[in-house]
Protein backbone atom coordinates (compact mmCIF):
# COMPACT_ATOMS: atom_id res chain seq x y z
CA MET A 1 177.50 101.36 89.17
CA VAL A 2 175.97 102.14 85.75
CA LYS A 3 172.61 99.99 85.10
CA VAL A 4 171.97 98.58 81.75
CA LYS A 5 168.52 97.91 80.06
CA ILE A 6 168.34 95.89 77.10
CA CYS A 7 165.00 97.08 75.06
CA GLY A 8 162.82 95.71 72.32
CA ASN A 9 163.17 92.05 73.24
CA ARG A 10 160.81 89.71 71.04
CA THR A 11 161.54 86.36 70.98
CA ALA A 12 162.63 83.54 73.42
CA LYS A 13 166.17 83.76 72.23
CA ASP A 14 166.41 87.19 73.04
CA ILE A 15 165.11 86.20 77.07
CA GLU A 16 167.54 83.22 76.73
CA TYR A 17 170.40 85.58 76.06
CA LEU A 18 169.35 87.81 79.01
CA ASN A 19 168.52 85.44 81.48
CA GLU A 20 172.20 84.48 81.10
CA LEU A 21 173.73 87.80 80.66
CA LYS A 22 171.81 89.95 83.17
CA PRO A 23 171.23 93.44 82.38
CA ASP A 24 169.27 95.09 85.02
CA TYR A 25 166.25 95.89 82.80
CA ALA A 26 164.64 94.35 80.13
CA GLY A 27 162.19 96.12 77.80
CA PHE A 28 159.17 95.13 75.77
CA ILE A 29 157.36 97.43 73.19
CA LEU A 30 153.75 96.79 73.85
CA THR A 31 152.31 99.46 71.49
CA ALA A 32 151.67 98.09 67.97
CA GLY A 33 153.23 99.66 64.88
CA PHE A 34 156.89 99.65 65.51
CA LYS A 35 159.72 97.30 64.48
CA ARG A 36 159.94 95.71 67.60
CA SER A 37 156.34 95.57 68.87
CA VAL A 38 155.10 92.49 70.59
CA GLY A 39 151.42 91.67 70.91
CA LYS A 40 150.08 90.83 74.36
CA ASP A 41 150.17 86.88 73.99
CA THR A 42 153.90 86.98 73.18
CA ALA A 43 154.73 89.13 75.99
CA LEU A 44 153.06 87.38 78.39
CA LEU A 45 155.57 84.09 77.45
CA LEU A 46 158.66 86.48 77.59
CA THR A 47 157.77 88.06 80.84
CA LYS A 48 156.84 84.92 82.16
CA ALA A 49 160.26 83.27 81.14
CA LEU A 50 162.29 86.20 82.17
CA SER A 51 164.43 85.88 85.06
CA GLY A 52 163.13 87.10 88.56
CA ASP A 53 166.35 89.66 88.75
CA ILE A 54 165.84 91.47 85.82
CA LYS A 55 163.82 94.23 85.84
CA SER A 56 160.41 94.20 83.16
CA VAL A 57 159.61 97.14 81.47
CA GLY A 58 156.62 97.83 79.06
CA VAL A 59 157.04 100.43 76.85
CA PHE A 60 154.09 102.46 75.60
CA VAL A 61 153.47 105.24 73.09
CA ASP A 62 150.31 107.56 73.73
CA GLU A 63 148.23 104.72 75.35
CA THR A 64 145.69 105.45 77.18
CA ALA A 65 146.20 105.07 81.23
CA ASP A 66 143.44 102.27 81.22
CA THR A 67 145.16 100.72 78.64
CA VAL A 68 148.85 100.69 80.33
CA ASN A 69 147.62 99.55 83.49
CA THR A 70 145.88 96.97 82.16
CA LEU A 71 148.15 95.61 80.80
CA ALA A 72 151.05 96.33 82.87
CA ARG A 73 148.85 94.06 85.55
CA GLU A 74 148.43 91.37 83.17
CA LEU A 75 152.02 91.14 82.51
CA LYS A 76 153.18 91.86 86.01
CA LEU A 77 155.59 94.49 84.88
CA ASP A 78 157.92 95.94 86.98
CA TYR A 79 158.11 99.37 85.10
CA VAL A 80 156.42 101.22 82.56
CA GLN A 81 158.03 103.37 80.44
CA LEU A 82 156.07 106.24 78.65
CA HIS A 83 157.56 107.06 75.11
CA GLY A 84 154.83 109.39 73.67
CA ASN A 85 153.63 112.68 74.25
CA GLU A 86 152.08 111.83 78.04
CA SER A 87 151.43 114.73 80.18
CA PRO A 88 152.45 114.93 83.79
CA GLY A 89 148.79 114.52 84.53
CA GLU A 90 148.59 111.10 82.49
CA CYS A 91 151.88 109.83 83.71
CA GLU A 92 149.93 110.01 87.43
CA LYS A 93 147.21 107.80 86.33
CA ILE A 94 149.76 105.04 85.86
CA GLU A 95 149.88 102.71 88.98
CA PHE A 96 153.12 101.40 88.36
CA PRO A 97 156.67 103.23 88.55
CA VAL A 98 156.74 105.42 85.48
CA ILE A 99 159.85 105.82 83.45
CA LYS A 100 159.20 109.09 81.31
CA VAL A 101 161.04 109.29 77.97
CA LEU A 102 161.69 113.16 77.09
CA LYS A 103 163.54 113.71 73.56
CA PRO A 104 165.45 116.90 72.79
CA ASP A 105 162.42 118.99 71.69
CA SER A 106 160.86 118.07 75.25
CA PHE A 107 163.72 118.48 77.41
CA GLY A 108 162.87 121.92 78.37
CA ARG A 109 160.01 120.41 80.23
CA VAL A 110 161.77 118.08 82.82
CA ARG A 111 160.53 120.12 85.74
CA GLU A 112 156.93 119.81 84.79
CA TYR A 113 157.24 115.76 84.99
CA GLU A 114 159.85 115.34 87.99
CA ASN A 115 156.90 115.33 90.70
CA THR A 116 154.97 112.50 88.43
CA VAL A 117 157.46 110.00 87.34
CA GLU A 118 160.11 107.96 89.04
CA LEU A 119 162.90 107.82 86.52
CA PHE A 120 163.48 109.81 83.41
CA LEU A 121 164.93 108.34 79.90
CA PHE A 122 166.63 110.91 77.69
CA ASP A 123 166.58 109.75 73.73
CA ALA A 124 166.43 111.14 70.36
CA GLY A 125 164.12 108.52 68.90
CA TYR A 126 162.20 104.97 69.20
CA GLY A 127 164.97 102.52 69.63
CA ASP A 128 166.45 103.11 65.98
CA GLY A 129 169.56 104.11 66.95
CA ALA A 130 169.50 107.73 66.57
CA ALA A 131 171.89 109.82 68.60
CA PHE A 132 171.70 113.81 69.79
CA ASP A 133 174.43 116.25 71.43
CA ARG A 134 174.96 114.98 74.89
CA SER A 135 175.49 118.47 75.99
CA LEU A 136 171.81 118.97 75.79
CA VAL A 137 170.88 116.66 78.52
CA PRO A 138 168.90 118.40 80.93
CA GLU A 139 169.84 119.06 84.60
CA THR A 140 167.48 116.85 87.03
CA ALA A 141 167.71 115.56 90.59
CA LYS A 142 166.12 112.25 89.10
CA PRO A 143 167.91 109.21 88.18
CA PHE A 144 167.75 108.94 84.25
CA PHE A 145 168.57 106.48 81.94
CA PHE A 146 170.63 107.37 78.68
CA ALA A 147 169.64 106.10 74.82
CA GLY A 148 170.18 107.13 71.68
CA GLY A 149 172.80 105.40 69.05
CA LEU A 150 174.45 103.44 71.97
CA SER A 151 176.86 100.80 71.04
CA THR A 152 179.99 99.01 72.83
CA GLU A 153 182.38 101.60 71.05
CA ASN A 154 180.71 104.50 72.50
CA VAL A 155 179.05 103.84 75.66
CA THR A 156 181.98 104.59 77.85
CA GLN A 157 182.18 107.99 76.33
CA ALA A 158 178.45 108.62 76.77
CA ILE A 159 178.66 107.50 80.51
CA THR A 160 181.64 110.06 81.27
CA GLU A 161 179.62 112.89 79.62
CA THR A 162 176.28 112.29 80.75
CA ASN A 163 176.50 110.35 84.20
CA PRO A 164 173.51 108.40 83.79
CA PHE A 165 171.58 106.10 86.51
CA ALA A 166 171.50 103.91 83.45
CA VAL A 167 171.91 103.32 80.02
CA ASP A 168 169.70 101.72 77.50
CA VAL A 169 170.28 100.03 74.24
CA SER A 170 168.36 98.14 71.13
CA SER A 171 169.44 98.40 67.64
CA GLY A 172 173.11 98.91 69.12
CA VAL A 173 173.27 95.13 70.14
CA GLU A 174 171.54 93.65 67.37
CA THR A 175 172.92 92.08 63.90
CA ASP A 176 170.85 92.22 60.79
CA GLY A 177 168.08 93.44 63.04
CA ALA A 178 168.00 90.81 65.97
CA LYS A 179 169.41 90.40 69.17
CA ASP A 180 172.92 89.36 69.23
CA TYR A 181 174.64 87.32 72.14
CA GLY A 182 178.35 88.49 71.31
CA LYS A 183 176.93 92.15 71.44
CA ILE A 184 174.78 92.22 74.31
CA LYS A 185 177.71 90.50 76.13
CA LYS A 186 180.16 92.85 75.11
CA PHE A 187 177.88 95.78 75.64
CA ILE A 188 177.19 94.92 79.29
CA ASN A 189 180.60 94.14 80.48
CA THR A 190 182.20 97.46 79.03
CA VAL A 191 179.44 99.17 81.28
CA ARG A 192 180.12 97.09 84.12
CA SER A 193 183.93 97.27 83.88
CA TYR A 194 183.22 101.34 83.78
CA GLU A 195 185.04 103.37 86.72
CA ASN A 196 183.90 106.58 87.13
CA GLU A 197 187.12 108.21 87.77
């Protein structure tokens, strides 16, 4: 069964939706300066309210290992997602399971990271709905999340073409910049009804 991550959660309403609809992972952008970034106090409220059967993922972009570990401990995160230019050595310093994001220009480095991370996430951008040529997805023995321009309309094809461990969506389940209950529900149902022939 392909798993689902809903990323870029910012509000109590988002968490209400997730607690009802039960994706496998919920992502919170904890580095400042992005459209869906949340501060520590907000993140604390959101992660505390999140159902215990949904894994919490903190998204960081080029932060120090100390910053990541400290905040991950405070928020009791299940996973840390490193979405910047963090080296394999920096990944090793993280005290939590690491999801390392690689973009098309760094797909060639996948082997360098395999022994230092738990999972990969292959994406084209920063949660902005940018897509990339799926044929570029690198081969790896590690399970990976697939992201980038996903929506209910194309997620089945993306799963067929890339065979991911999980799919990750943010803008594709939003309307006017806010998480949309109907879109999240439809996306999750579409993924869960997918039968890998």
